[in-house]
Amino acid sequence: MSNNNPAPEPHAAGTYSTDIPTAAATDLAGPAPARVGTVVWGLIVLALAALIIVAQLGFVTLNGTYVLIGLMIGAGAALVVGGVLSARKRDNEPTTGKS
């Protein structure tokens, strides 16, 4: 793009470029991995849906209190384990001794 042309030039995809780099353009690390909390909440929703379906089909009678206690214990354990594994993966860089 020349300095004499006030309008930006279109790219092949029909989008226009600017001279200001964005965070997405400068990020070369690729897509971020899924967060542990997102995965755990997704599993909770899937588990609740499966339990509701099983209860509606009449295969088993569920006690709501026990179901919630079990889901909370499982979710808490998954969050703690996922956080520990995530922290271990991030802490592989050598330290410089400076704080």
PDB file of N, CA and C in Angstrom:
ATOM      1  N   MET A   1       0.839  -1.147   0.000  1.00  0.00           N
ATOM      2  CA  MET A   1       0.000   0.000   0.000  1.00  0.00           C
ATOM      3  C   MET A   1       0.894   1.222   0.000  1.00  0.00           C
ATOM      4  N   SER A   2       0.611   2.163  -0.866  1.00  0.00           N
ATOM      5  CA  SER A   2       1.423   3.373  -0.955  1.00  0.00           C
ATOM      6  C   SER A   2       0.867   4.427  -0.017  1.00  0.00           C
ATOM      7  N   ASN A   3       1.708   5.405   0.309  1.00  0.00           N
ATOM      8  CA  ASN A   3       1.289   6.472   1.207  1.00  0.00           C
ATOM      9  C   ASN A   3       0.360   7.461   0.509  1.00  0.00           C
ATOM     10  N   ASN A   4       0.351   7.510  -0.840  1.00  0.00           N
ATOM     11  CA  ASN A   4      -0.497   8.434  -1.572  1.00  0.00           C
ATOM     12  C   ASN A   4      -1.919   7.926  -1.736  1.00  0.00           C
ATOM     13  N   ASN A   5      -2.158   6.658  -1.497  1.00  0.00           N
ATOM     14  CA  ASN A   5      -3.468   6.058  -1.672  1.00  0.00           C
ATOM     15  C   ASN A   5      -4.205   6.065  -0.329  1.00  0.00           C
ATOM     16  N   PRO A   6      -5.282   6.848  -0.165  1.00  0.00           N
ATOM     17  CA  PRO A   6      -5.959   6.906   1.135  1.00  0.00           C
ATOM     18  C   PRO A   6      -6.788   5.669   1.440  1.00  0.00           C
ATOM     19  N   ALA A   7      -7.225   4.930   0.443  1.00  0.00           N
ATOM     20  CA  ALA A   7      -8.060   3.751   0.669  1.00  0.00           C
ATOM     21  C   ALA A   7      -7.175   2.513   0.767  1.00  0.00           C
ATOM     22  N   PRO A   8      -7.470   1.601   1.716  1.00  0.00           N
ATOM     23  CA  PRO A   8      -6.694   0.359   1.798  1.00  0.00           C
ATOM     24  C   PRO A   8      -6.977  -0.535   0.607  1.00  0.00           C
ATOM     25  N   GLU A   9      -5.995  -1.353   0.275  1.00  0.00           N
ATOM     26  CA  GLU A   9      -6.123  -2.259  -0.861  1.00  0.00           C
ATOM     27  C   GLU A   9      -6.756  -3.561  -0.405  1.00  0.00           C
ATOM     28  N   PRO A  10      -7.708  -4.107  -1.181  1.00  0.00           N
ATOM     29  CA  PRO A  10      -8.336  -5.369  -0.773  1.00  0.00           C
ATOM     30  C   PRO A  10      -7.409  -6.547  -1.029  1.00  0.00           C
ATOM     31  N   HIS A  11      -7.517  -7.563  -0.157  1.00  0.00           N
ATOM     32  CA  HIS A  11      -6.796  -8.827  -0.347  1.00  0.00           C
ATOM     33  C   HIS A  11      -7.642  -9.748  -1.200  1.00  0.00           C
ATOM     34  N   ALA A  12      -7.114 -10.915  -1.479  1.00  0.00           N
ATOM     35  CA  ALA A  12      -7.808 -11.888  -2.334  1.00  0.00           C
ATOM     36  C   ALA A  12      -9.137 -12.325  -1.725  1.00  0.00           C
ATOM     37  N   ALA A  13      -9.209 -12.393  -0.403  1.00  0.00           N
ATOM     38  CA  ALA A  13     -10.435 -12.857   0.248  1.00  0.00           C
ATOM     39  C   ALA A  13     -11.472 -11.750   0.362  1.00  0.00           C
ATOM     40  N   GLY A  14     -11.156 -10.534  -0.102  1.00  0.00           N
ATOM     41  CA  GLY A  14     -12.111  -9.447  -0.039  1.00  0.00           C
ATOM     42  C   GLY A  14     -12.009  -8.631   1.230  1.00  0.00           C
ATOM     43  N   THR A  15     -11.064  -8.956   2.105  1.00  0.00           N
ATOM     44  CA  THR A  15     -10.888  -8.182   3.323  1.00  0.00           C
ATOM     45  C   THR A  15      -9.849  -7.101   3.078  1.00  0.00           C
ATOM     46  N   TYR A  16      -9.877  -6.091   3.887  1.00  0.00           N
ATOM     47  CA  TYR A  16      -8.943  -4.979   3.749  1.00  0.00           C
ATOM     48  C   TYR A  16      -7.895  -5.053   4.834  1.00  0.00           C
ATOM     49  N   SER A  17      -6.687  -4.635   4.490  1.00  0.00           N
ATOM     50  CA  SER A  17      -5.603  -4.698   5.452  1.00  0.00           C
ATOM     51  C   SER A  17      -5.338  -3.314   6.007  1.00  0.00           C
ATOM     52  N   THR A  18      -4.815  -3.263   7.203  1.00  0.00           N
ATOM     53  CA  THR A  18      -4.379  -2.014   7.814  1.00  0.00           C
ATOM     54  C   THR A  18      -2.911  -2.138   8.147  1.00  0.00           C
ATOM     55  N   ASP A  19      -2.290  -1.027   8.435  1.00  0.00           N
ATOM     56  CA  ASP A  19      -0.871  -1.052   8.771  1.00  0.00           C
ATOM     57  C   ASP A  19      -0.636  -1.392  10.235  1.00  0.00           C
ATOM     58  N   ILE A  20      -1.686  -1.443  11.050  1.00  0.00           N
ATOM     59  CA  ILE A  20      -1.545  -1.710  12.467  1.00  0.00           C
ATOM     60  C   ILE A  20      -1.625  -3.218  12.688  1.00  0.00           C
ATOM     61  N   PRO A  21      -0.550  -3.835  13.223  1.00  0.00           N
ATOM     62  CA  PRO A  21      -0.614  -5.283  13.473  1.00  0.00           C
ATOM     63  C   PRO A  21      -1.538  -5.577  14.646  1.00  0.00           C
ATOM     64  N   THR A  22      -2.294  -6.632  14.533  1.00  0.00           N
ATOM     65  CA  THR A  22      -3.191  -7.046  15.607  1.00  0.00           C
ATOM     66  C   THR A  22      -2.546  -8.178  16.392  1.00  0.00           C
ATOM     67  N   ALA A  23      -3.145  -8.487  17.522  1.00  0.00           N
ATOM     68  CA  ALA A  23      -2.627  -9.578  18.354  1.00  0.00           C
ATOM     69  C   ALA A  23      -2.727 -10.908  17.624  1.00  0.00           C
ATOM     70  N   ALA A  24      -3.792 -11.089  16.838  1.00  0.00           N
ATOM     71  CA  ALA A  24      -3.958 -12.348  16.101  1.00  0.00           C
ATOM     72  C   ALA A  24      -2.901 -12.478  15.013  1.00  0.00           C
ATOM     73  N   ALA A  25      -2.509 -11.366  14.413  1.00  0.00           N
ATOM     74  CA  ALA A  25      -1.511 -11.422  13.347  1.00  0.00           C
ATOM     75  C   ALA A  25      -0.122 -11.688  13.894  1.00  0.00           C
ATOM     76  N   THR A  26       0.161 -11.232  15.121  1.00  0.00           N
ATOM     77  CA  THR A  26       1.497 -11.415  15.682  1.00  0.00           C
ATOM     78  C   THR A  26       1.616 -12.691  16.502  1.00  0.00           C
ATOM     79  N   ASP A  27       0.500 -13.366  16.794  1.00  0.00           N
ATOM     80  CA  ASP A  27       0.521 -14.591  17.578  1.00  0.00           C
ATOM     81  C   ASP A  27       0.846 -15.767  16.663  1.00  0.00           C
ATOM     82  N   LEU A  28       2.013 -16.355  16.860  1.00  0.00           N
ATOM     83  CA  LEU A  28       2.433 -17.479  16.028  1.00  0.00           C
ATOM     84  C   LEU A  28       2.339 -18.808  16.760  1.00  0.00           C
ATOM     85  N   ALA A  29       1.827 -18.798  17.998  1.00  0.00           N
ATOM     86  CA  ALA A  29       1.785 -20.016  18.803  1.00  0.00           C
ATOM     87  C   ALA A  29       0.670 -20.963  18.380  1.00  0.00           C
ATOM     88  N   GLY A  30      -0.275 -20.508  17.617  1.00  0.00           N
ATOM     89  CA  GLY A  30      -1.375 -21.360  17.194  1.00  0.00           C
ATOM     90  C   GLY A  30      -2.539 -21.246  18.146  1.00  0.00           C
ATOM     91  N   PRO A  31      -3.544 -22.090  17.980  1.00  0.00           N
ATOM     92  CA  PRO A  31      -4.724 -22.003  18.834  1.00  0.00           C
ATOM     93  C   PRO A  31      -4.406 -22.424  20.265  1.00  0.00           C
ATOM     94  N   ALA A  32      -5.067 -21.777  21.199  1.00  0.00           N
ATOM     95  CA  ALA A  32      -4.862 -22.088  22.611  1.00  0.00           C
ATOM     96  C   ALA A  32      -5.560 -23.397  22.948  1.00  0.00           C
ATOM     97  N   PRO A  33      -4.995 -24.191  23.844  1.00  0.00           N
ATOM     98  CA  PRO A  33      -5.663 -25.434  24.241  1.00  0.00           C
ATOM     99  C   PRO A  33      -6.907 -25.122  25.069  1.00  0.00           C
ATOM    100  N   ALA A  34      -7.790 -26.091  25.168  1.00  0.00           N
ATOM    101  CA  ALA A  34      -9.016 -25.908  25.951  1.00  0.00           C
ATOM    102  C   ALA A  34      -8.659 -25.761  27.422  1.00  0.00           C
ATOM    103  N   ARG A  35      -9.380 -24.878  28.091  1.00  0.00           N
ATOM    104  CA  ARG A  35      -9.143 -24.676  29.515  1.00  0.00           C
ATOM    105  C   ARG A  35      -9.762 -25.817  30.314  1.00  0.00           C
ATOM    106  N   VAL A  36      -9.150 -26.111  31.448  1.00  0.00           N
ATOM    107  CA  VAL A  36      -9.610 -27.218  32.290  1.00  0.00           C
ATOM    108  C   VAL A  36     -11.035 -26.964  32.765  1.00  0.00           C
ATOM    109  N   GLY A  37     -11.328 -25.740  33.183  1.00  0.00           N
ATOM    110  CA  GLY A  37     -12.665 -25.419  33.673  1.00  0.00           C
ATOM    111  C   GLY A  37     -13.741 -25.624  32.618  1.00  0.00           C
ATOM    112  N   THR A  38     -13.421 -25.258  31.382  1.00  0.00           N
ATOM    113  CA  THR A  38     -14.375 -25.441  30.291  1.00  0.00           C
ATOM    114  C   THR A  38     -14.674 -26.913  30.065  1.00  0.00           C
ATOM    115  N   VAL A  39     -13.649 -27.724  30.095  1.00  0.00           N
ATOM    116  CA  VAL A  39     -13.826 -29.166  29.894  1.00  0.00           C
ATOM    117  C   VAL A  39     -14.630 -29.766  31.042  1.00  0.00           C
ATOM    118  N   VAL A  40     -14.325 -29.358  32.272  1.00  0.00           N
ATOM    119  CA  VAL A  40     -15.029 -29.910  33.437  1.00  0.00           C
ATOM    120  C   VAL A  40     -16.509 -29.528  33.406  1.00  0.00           C
ATOM    121  N   TRP A  41     -16.814 -28.266  33.100  1.00  0.00           N
ATOM    122  CA  TRP A  41     -18.227 -27.859  33.032  1.00  0.00           C
ATOM    123  C   TRP A  41     -18.946 -28.575  31.896  1.00  0.00           C
ATOM    124  N   GLY A  42     -18.272 -28.796  30.795  1.00  0.00           N
ATOM    125  CA  GLY A  42     -18.878 -29.564  29.709  1.00  0.00           C
ATOM    126  C   GLY A  42     -19.181 -30.984  30.130  1.00  0.00           C
ATOM    127  N   LEU A  43     -18.279 -31.594  30.871  1.00  0.00           N
ATOM    128  CA  LEU A  43     -18.517 -32.956  31.366  1.00  0.00           C
ATOM    129  C   LEU A  43     -19.661 -32.997  32.373  1.00  0.00           C
ATOM    130  N   ILE A  44     -19.786 -31.948  33.203  1.00  0.00           N
ATOM    131  CA  ILE A  44     -20.886 -31.896  34.162  1.00  0.00           C
ATOM    132  C   ILE A  44     -22.227 -31.839  33.424  1.00  0.00           C
ATOM    133  N   VAL A  45     -22.305 -30.998  32.412  1.00  0.00           N
ATOM    134  CA  VAL A  45     -23.551 -30.881  31.649  1.00  0.00           C
ATOM    135  C   VAL A  45     -23.886 -32.203  30.963  1.00  0.00           C
ATOM    136  N   LEU A  46     -22.886 -32.849  30.369  1.00  0.00           N
ATOM    137  CA  LEU A  46     -23.127 -34.137  29.722  1.00  0.00           C
ATOM    138  C   LEU A  46     -23.572 -35.202  30.731  1.00  0.00           C
ATOM    139  N   ALA A  47     -22.946 -35.213  31.911  1.00  0.00           N
ATOM    140  CA  ALA A  47     -23.319 -36.187  32.930  1.00  0.00           C
ATOM    141  C   ALA A  47     -24.741 -35.957  33.410  1.00  0.00           C
ATOM    142  N   LEU A  48     -25.112 -34.689  33.623  1.00  0.00           N
ATOM    143  CA  LEU A  48     -26.485 -34.404  34.041  1.00  0.00           C
ATOM    144  C   LEU A  48     -27.496 -34.824  32.981  1.00  0.00           C
ATOM    145  N   ALA A  49     -27.178 -34.539  31.722  1.00  0.00           N
ATOM    146  CA  ALA A  49     -28.075 -34.935  30.641  1.00  0.00           C
ATOM    147  C   ALA A  49     -28.231 -36.450  30.584  1.00  0.00           C
ATOM    148  N   ALA A  50     -27.126 -37.170  30.724  1.00  0.00           N
ATOM    149  CA  ALA A  50     -27.187 -38.634  30.693  1.00  0.00           C
ATOM    150  C   ALA A  50     -27.992 -39.172  31.872  1.00  0.00           C
ATOM    151  N   LEU A  51     -27.800 -38.581  33.052  1.00  0.00           N
ATOM    152  CA  LEU A  51     -28.552 -39.036  34.218  1.00  0.00           C
ATOM    153  C   LEU A  51     -30.042 -38.749  34.081  1.00  0.00           C
ATOM    154  N   ILE A  52     -30.384 -37.614  33.514  1.00  0.00           N
ATOM    155  CA  ILE A  52     -31.801 -37.294  33.308  1.00  0.00           C
ATOM    156  C   ILE A  52     -32.433 -38.274  32.320  1.00  0.00           C
ATOM    157  N   ILE A  53     -31.716 -38.592  31.255  1.00  0.00           N
ATOM    158  CA  ILE A  53     -32.240 -39.544  30.271  1.00  0.00           C
ATOM    159  C   ILE A  53     -32.434 -40.919  30.895  1.00  0.00           C
ATOM    160  N   VAL A  54     -31.442 -41.376  31.665  1.00  0.00           N
ATOM    161  CA  VAL A  54     -31.546 -42.689  32.309  1.00  0.00           C
ATOM    162  C   VAL A  54     -32.710 -42.711  33.291  1.00  0.00           C
ATOM    163  N   ALA A  55     -32.878 -41.609  34.045  1.00  0.00           N
ATOM    164  CA  ALA A  55     -33.971 -41.561  35.020  1.00  0.00           C
ATOM    165  C   ALA A  55     -35.328 -41.534  34.318  1.00  0.00           C
ATOM    166  N   GLN A  56     -35.443 -40.837  33.202  1.00  0.00           N
ATOM    167  CA  GLN A  56     -36.707 -40.761  32.477  1.00  0.00           C
ATOM    168  C   GLN A  56     -37.060 -42.082  31.809  1.00  0.00           C
ATOM    169  N   LEU A  57     -36.070 -42.845  31.416  1.00  0.00           N
ATOM    170  CA  LEU A  57     -36.336 -44.144  30.804  1.00  0.00           C
ATOM    171  C   LEU A  57     -36.739 -45.192  31.837  1.00  0.00           C
ATOM    172  N   GLY A  58     -36.523 -44.906  33.115  1.00  0.00           N
ATOM    173  CA  GLY A  58     -36.967 -45.800  34.170  1.00  0.00           C
ATOM    174  C   GLY A  58     -36.010 -46.922  34.492  1.00  0.00           C
ATOM    175  N   PHE A  59     -34.764 -46.841  34.005  1.00  0.00           N
ATOM    176  CA  PHE A  59     -33.796 -47.900  34.310  1.00  0.00           C
ATOM    177  C   PHE A  59     -33.372 -47.868  35.771  1.00  0.00           C
ATOM    178  N   VAL A  60     -33.330 -46.674  36.343  1.00  0.00           N
ATOM    179  CA  VAL A  60     -32.861 -46.531  37.713  1.00  0.00           C
ATOM    180  C   VAL A  60     -33.559 -45.326  38.337  1.00  0.00           C
ATOM    181  N   THR A  61     -33.759 -45.378  39.646  1.00  0.00           N
ATOM    182  CA  THR A  61     -34.322 -44.246  40.369  1.00  0.00           C
ATOM    183  C   THR A  61     -33.171 -43.496  41.019  1.00  0.00           C
ATOM    184  N   LEU A  62     -33.125 -42.183  40.772  1.00  0.00           N
ATOM    185  CA  LEU A  62     -32.009 -41.390  41.269  1.00  0.00           C
ATOM    186  C   LEU A  62     -32.449 -40.486  42.415  1.00  0.00           C
ATOM    187  N   ASN A  63     -31.571 -40.344  43.392  1.00  0.00           N
ATOM    188  CA  ASN A  63     -31.766 -39.403  44.469  1.00  0.00           C
ATOM    189  C   ASN A  63     -31.005 -38.132  44.085  1.00  0.00           C
ATOM    190  N   GLY A  64     -31.709 -37.012  43.959  1.00  0.00           N
ATOM    191  CA  GLY A  64     -31.099 -35.772  43.497  1.00  0.00           C
ATOM    192  C   GLY A  64     -29.948 -35.296  44.361  1.00  0.00           C
ATOM    193  N   THR A  65     -30.054 -35.482  45.665  1.00  0.00           N
ATOM    194  CA  THR A  65     -28.985 -35.052  46.574  1.00  0.00           C
ATOM    195  C   THR A  65     -27.714 -35.837  46.317  1.00  0.00           C
ATOM    196  N   TYR A  66     -27.837 -37.140  46.179  1.00  0.00           N
ATOM    197  CA  TYR A  66     -26.649 -37.966  45.926  1.00  0.00           C
ATOM    198  C   TYR A  66     -26.028 -37.664  44.564  1.00  0.00           C
ATOM    199  N   VAL A  67     -26.869 -37.400  43.587  1.00  0.00           N
ATOM    200  CA  VAL A  67     -26.360 -37.056  42.253  1.00  0.00           C
ATOM    201  C   VAL A  67     -25.551 -35.769  42.318  1.00  0.00           C
ATOM    202  N   LEU A  68     -26.097 -34.732  42.992  1.00  0.00           N
ATOM    203  CA  LEU A  68     -25.376 -33.468  43.092  1.00  0.00           C
ATOM    204  C   LEU A  68     -24.080 -33.604  43.886  1.00  0.00           C
ATOM    205  N   ILE A  69     -24.107 -34.365  44.959  1.00  0.00           N
ATOM    206  CA  ILE A  69     -22.886 -34.579  45.748  1.00  0.00           C
ATOM    207  C   ILE A  69     -21.828 -35.275  44.895  1.00  0.00           C
ATOM    208  N   GLY A  70     -22.234 -36.309  44.177  1.00  0.00           N
ATOM    209  CA  GLY A  70     -21.289 -37.020  43.324  1.00  0.00           C
ATOM    210  C   GLY A  70     -20.720 -36.139  42.223  1.00  0.00           C
ATOM    211  N   LEU A  71     -21.578 -35.321  41.601  1.00  0.00           N
ATOM    212  CA  LEU A  71     -21.087 -34.419  40.558  1.00  0.00           C
ATOM    213  C   LEU A  71     -20.131 -33.378  41.121  1.00  0.00           C
ATOM    214  N   MET A  72     -20.419 -32.848  42.289  1.00  0.00           N
ATOM    215  CA  MET A  72     -19.539 -31.843  42.890  1.00  0.00           C
ATOM    216  C   MET A  72     -18.189 -32.449  43.278  1.00  0.00           C
ATOM    217  N   ILE A  73     -18.200 -33.659  43.813  1.00  0.00           N
ATOM    218  CA  ILE A  73     -16.931 -34.319  44.152  1.00  0.00           C
ATOM    219  C   ILE A  73     -16.129 -34.592  42.888  1.00  0.00           C
ATOM    220  N   GLY A  74     -16.790 -35.108  41.861  1.00  0.00           N
ATOM    221  CA  GLY A  74     -16.097 -35.387  40.604  1.00  0.00           C
ATOM    222  C   GLY A  74     -15.568 -34.129  39.936  1.00  0.00           C
ATOM    223  N   ALA A  75     -16.368 -33.066  39.925  1.00  0.00           N
ATOM    224  CA  ALA A  75     -15.935 -31.812  39.309  1.00  0.00           C
ATOM    225  C   ALA A  75     -14.774 -31.201  40.082  1.00  0.00           C
ATOM    226  N   GLY A  76     -14.857 -31.221  41.402  1.00  0.00           N
ATOM    227  CA  GLY A  76     -13.766 -30.682  42.211  1.00  0.00           C
ATOM    228  C   GLY A  76     -12.469 -31.443  41.992  1.00  0.00           C
ATOM    229  N   ALA A  77     -12.555 -32.760  41.957  1.00  0.00           N
ATOM    230  CA  ALA A  77     -11.360 -33.566  41.719  1.00  0.00           C
ATOM    231  C   ALA A  77     -10.797 -33.306  40.325  1.00  0.00           C
ATOM    232  N   ALA A  78     -11.670 -33.189  39.331  1.00  0.00           N
ATOM    233  CA  ALA A  78     -11.201 -32.932  37.968  1.00  0.00           C
ATOM    234  C   ALA A  78     -10.540 -31.562  37.861  1.00  0.00           C
ATOM    235  N   LEU A  79     -11.089 -30.552  38.535  1.00  0.00           N
ATOM    236  CA  LEU A  79     -10.477 -29.225  38.502  1.00  0.00           C
ATOM    237  C   LEU A  79      -9.115 -29.212  39.184  1.00  0.00           C
ATOM    238  N   VAL A  80      -8.989 -29.897  40.317  1.00  0.00           N
ATOM    239  CA  VAL A  80      -7.704 -29.942  41.022  1.00  0.00           C
ATOM    240  C   VAL A  80      -6.664 -30.691  40.192  1.00  0.00           C
ATOM    241  N   VAL A  81      -7.024 -31.838  39.667  1.00  0.00           N
ATOM    242  CA  VAL A  81      -6.080 -32.623  38.865  1.00  0.00           C
ATOM    243  C   VAL A  81      -5.705 -31.879  37.590  1.00  0.00           C
ATOM    244  N   GLY A  82      -6.684 -31.279  36.924  1.00  0.00           N
ATOM    245  CA  GLY A  82      -6.401 -30.517  35.713  1.00  0.00           C
ATOM    246  C   GLY A  82      -5.518 -29.316  35.987  1.00  0.00           C
ATOM    247  N   GLY A  83      -5.743 -28.629  37.092  1.00  0.00           N
ATOM    248  CA  GLY A  83      -4.905 -27.487  37.455  1.00  0.00           C
ATOM    249  C   GLY A  83      -3.477 -27.896  37.759  1.00  0.00           C
ATOM    250  N   VAL A  84      -3.318 -29.008  38.467  1.00  0.00           N
ATOM    251  CA  VAL A  84      -1.967 -29.498  38.777  1.00  0.00           C
ATOM    252  C   VAL A  84      -1.240 -29.903  37.504  1.00  0.00           C
ATOM    253  N   LEU A  85      -1.919 -30.609  36.610  1.00  0.00           N
ATOM    254  CA  LEU A  85      -1.284 -31.015  35.355  1.00  0.00           C
ATOM    255  C   LEU A  85      -0.935 -29.810  34.486  1.00  0.00           C
ATOM    256  N   SER A  86      -1.810 -28.816  34.469  1.00  0.00           N
ATOM    257  CA  SER A  86      -1.541 -27.602  33.698  1.00  0.00           C
ATOM    258  C   SER A  86      -0.352 -26.842  34.278  1.00  0.00           C
ATOM    259  N   ALA A  87      -0.270 -26.768  35.596  1.00  0.00           N
ATOM    260  CA  ALA A  87       0.850 -26.077  36.235  1.00  0.00           C
ATOM    261  C   ALA A  87       2.161 -26.818  35.994  1.00  0.00           C
ATOM    262  N   ARG A  88       2.126 -28.134  36.015  1.00  0.00           N
ATOM    263  CA  ARG A  88       3.347 -28.907  35.752  1.00  0.00           C
ATOM    264  C   ARG A  88       3.829 -28.708  34.327  1.00  0.00           C
ATOM    265  N   LYS A  89       2.895 -28.601  33.380  1.00  0.00           N
ATOM    266  CA  LYS A  89       3.278 -28.422  31.985  1.00  0.00           C
ATOM    267  C   LYS A  89       3.881 -27.040  31.758  1.00  0.00           C
ATOM    268  N   ARG A  90       3.381 -26.028  32.460  1.00  0.00           N
ATOM    269  CA  ARG A  90       3.892 -24.672  32.294  1.00  0.00           C
ATOM    270  C   ARG A  90       5.214 -24.446  32.987  1.00  0.00           C
ATOM    271  N   ASP A  91       5.514 -25.164  34.055  1.00  0.00           N
ATOM    272  CA  ASP A  91       6.702 -24.907  34.864  1.00  0.00           C
ATOM    273  C   ASP A  91       7.935 -25.673  34.391  1.00  0.00           C
ATOM    274  N   ASN A  92       8.010 -26.021  33.118  1.00  0.00           N
ATOM    275  CA  ASN A  92       9.174 -26.758  32.622  1.00  0.00           C
ATOM    276  C   ASN A  92      10.325 -25.856  32.221  1.00  0.00           C
ATOM    277  N   GLU A  93      10.131 -24.536  32.188  1.00  0.00           N
ATOM    278  CA  GLU A  93      11.197 -23.634  31.802  1.00  0.00           C
ATOM    279  C   GLU A  93      12.166 -23.447  32.957  1.00  0.00           C
ATOM    280  N   PRO A  94      13.477 -23.332  32.675  1.00  0.00           N
ATOM    281  CA  PRO A  94      14.434 -23.123  33.753  1.00  0.00           C
ATOM    282  C   PRO A  94      14.258 -21.724  34.364  1.00  0.00           C
ATOM    283  N   THR A  95      14.489 -21.632  35.648  1.00  0.00           N
ATOM    284  CA  THR A  95      14.358 -20.350  36.314  1.00  0.00           C
ATOM    285  C   THR A  95      15.681 -19.594  36.251  1.00  0.00           C
ATOM    286  N   THR A  96      15.594 -18.272  36.300  1.00  0.00           N
ATOM    287  CA  THR A  96      16.805 -17.445  36.255  1.00  0.00           C
ATOM    288  C   THR A  96      17.267 -17.040  37.634  1.00  0.00           C
ATOM    289  N   GLY A  97      16.447 -17.292  38.655  1.00  0.00           N
ATOM    290  CA  GLY A  97      16.811 -16.931  40.014  1.00  0.00           C
ATOM    291  C   GLY A  97      16.353 -15.535  40.366  1.00  0.00           C
ATOM    292  N   LYS A  98      15.816 -14.794  39.412  1.00  0.00           N
ATOM    293  CA  LYS A  98      15.311 -13.451  39.687  1.00  0.00           C
ATOM    294  C   LYS A  98      13.823 -13.527  39.918  1.00  0.00           C
ATOM    295  N   SER A  99      13.331 -12.614  40.793  1.00  0.00           N
ATOM    296  CA  SER A  99      11.887 -12.617  41.013  1.00  0.00           C
ATOM    297  C   SER A  99      11.198 -11.530  40.247  1.00  0.00           C
TER     298      SER A  99
END
